[in-house]
Amino acid sequence: MSMTMYVILTLSDVPNTNSLNELSKQLNAPVQYLENVDIKKHTGFLPVKLNGEESGVETYMSPLSEFTDYFPSFDSSGYDEPVVVTFRWGG
């Protein structure tokens, strides 16, 4: 079973994996992403350690305009260059 998570952000707020690792550390989350990956430019499999074990997640970034069918009532007026970052786990 797979799981997909969509995160809507302003393009300038899309973090790199160093920022995600710092946040994971602050939250005591057992997730560590491969260092120095720019999620704005990365597409596809991203190595991750989960509870110290090798794992991974697929990541994709697209303009919000490509997701209007998924989020028809989302008000993006407060976003400058809104994008959707997709995280997909599982098989």
Protein backbone atom coordinates (compact mmCIF):
# COMPACT_ATOMS: atom_id res chain seq x y z
CA MET A 1 0.00 0.00 0.00
CA SER A 2 1.35 3.41 -0.87
CA MET A 3 0.72 6.82 0.62
CA THR A 4 0.90 10.19 -1.11
CA MET A 5 1.13 13.54 0.66
CA TYR A 6 0.68 16.85 -1.14
CA VAL A 7 2.17 20.01 0.38
CA ILE A 8 1.23 23.39 -1.06
CA LEU A 9 3.87 26.08 -0.62
CA THR A 10 5.12 29.28 -2.14
CA LEU A 11 8.03 28.44 -4.43
CA SER A 12 10.46 30.43 -2.26
CA ASP A 13 9.44 28.37 0.81
CA VAL A 14 10.25 24.94 -0.65
CA PRO A 15 12.92 23.56 1.70
CA ASN A 16 16.04 21.61 0.89
CA THR A 17 16.75 18.36 2.68
CA ASN A 18 19.07 20.03 5.19
CA SER A 19 16.09 22.08 6.40
CA LEU A 20 13.92 18.95 6.55
CA ASN A 21 16.61 17.15 8.56
CA GLU A 22 16.84 20.04 11.02
CA LEU A 23 13.07 20.06 11.46
CA SER A 24 13.04 16.28 11.93
CA LYS A 25 15.69 16.66 14.61
CA GLN A 26 13.71 19.39 16.40
CA LEU A 27 10.57 17.24 16.34
CA ASN A 28 12.42 14.06 17.35
CA ALA A 29 11.15 12.42 14.18
CA PRO A 30 13.14 9.32 13.15
CA VAL A 31 13.64 10.55 9.57
CA GLN A 32 16.89 11.60 7.93
CA TYR A 33 16.97 12.69 4.29
CA LEU A 34 20.01 12.58 2.02
CA GLU A 35 21.88 15.85 2.67
CA ASN A 36 22.00 18.91 0.39
CA VAL A 37 19.21 17.95 -2.02
CA ASP A 38 17.32 20.87 -3.54
CA ILE A 39 13.72 19.67 -3.65
CA LYS A 40 12.93 22.41 -6.18
CA LYS A 41 15.16 20.61 -8.68
CA HIS A 42 14.93 16.98 -7.53
CA THR A 43 12.49 14.54 -9.10
CA GLY A 44 12.05 10.88 -8.24
CA PHE A 45 13.55 8.65 -5.58
CA LEU A 46 15.19 10.32 -2.59
CA PRO A 47 17.12 8.15 -0.11
CA VAL A 48 15.89 8.41 3.48
CA LYS A 49 16.79 6.70 6.72
CA LEU A 50 13.74 5.83 8.79
CA ASN A 51 14.48 4.64 12.31
CA GLY A 52 18.08 4.16 11.15
CA GLU A 53 17.10 1.82 8.31
CA GLU A 54 17.57 2.56 4.61
CA SER A 55 14.37 3.66 2.95
CA GLY A 56 13.24 6.35 0.56
CA VAL A 57 10.52 8.59 -0.76
CA GLU A 58 9.60 9.81 -4.22
CA THR A 59 9.46 13.60 -4.48
CA TYR A 60 8.06 15.80 -7.22
CA MET A 61 7.34 19.51 -7.47
CA SER A 62 4.77 21.01 -9.81
CA PRO A 63 2.90 24.29 -10.20
CA LEU A 64 -0.39 24.36 -8.29
CA SER A 65 -2.14 25.02 -11.61
CA GLU A 66 -1.52 21.35 -12.52
CA PHE A 67 -3.55 20.25 -9.46
CA THR A 68 -6.77 22.22 -9.84
CA ASP A 69 -8.75 18.97 -10.15
CA TYR A 70 -7.31 17.75 -6.83
CA PHE A 71 -7.82 21.01 -4.94
CA PRO A 72 -10.71 22.82 -6.68
CA SER A 73 -11.63 25.00 -3.71
CA PHE A 74 -8.10 25.87 -2.56
CA ASP A 75 -7.62 29.64 -2.37
CA SER A 76 -4.09 30.34 -3.55
CA SER A 77 -4.48 34.12 -3.53
CA GLY A 78 -2.14 34.40 -0.53
CA TYR A 79 0.64 32.51 -2.32
CA ASP A 80 3.26 33.99 -4.60
CA GLU A 81 4.11 31.27 -7.16
CA PRO A 82 2.21 28.41 -5.48
CA VAL A 83 3.63 24.93 -6.00
CA VAL A 84 2.73 21.43 -4.88
CA VAL A 85 5.45 19.21 -3.47
CA THR A 86 4.42 15.56 -3.68
CA PHE A 87 5.86 12.93 -1.35
CA ARG A 88 5.05 9.29 -2.20
CA TRP A 89 5.95 6.28 -0.05
CA GLY A 90 5.33 2.59 -0.48
CA GLY A 91 4.77 0.22 -3.33
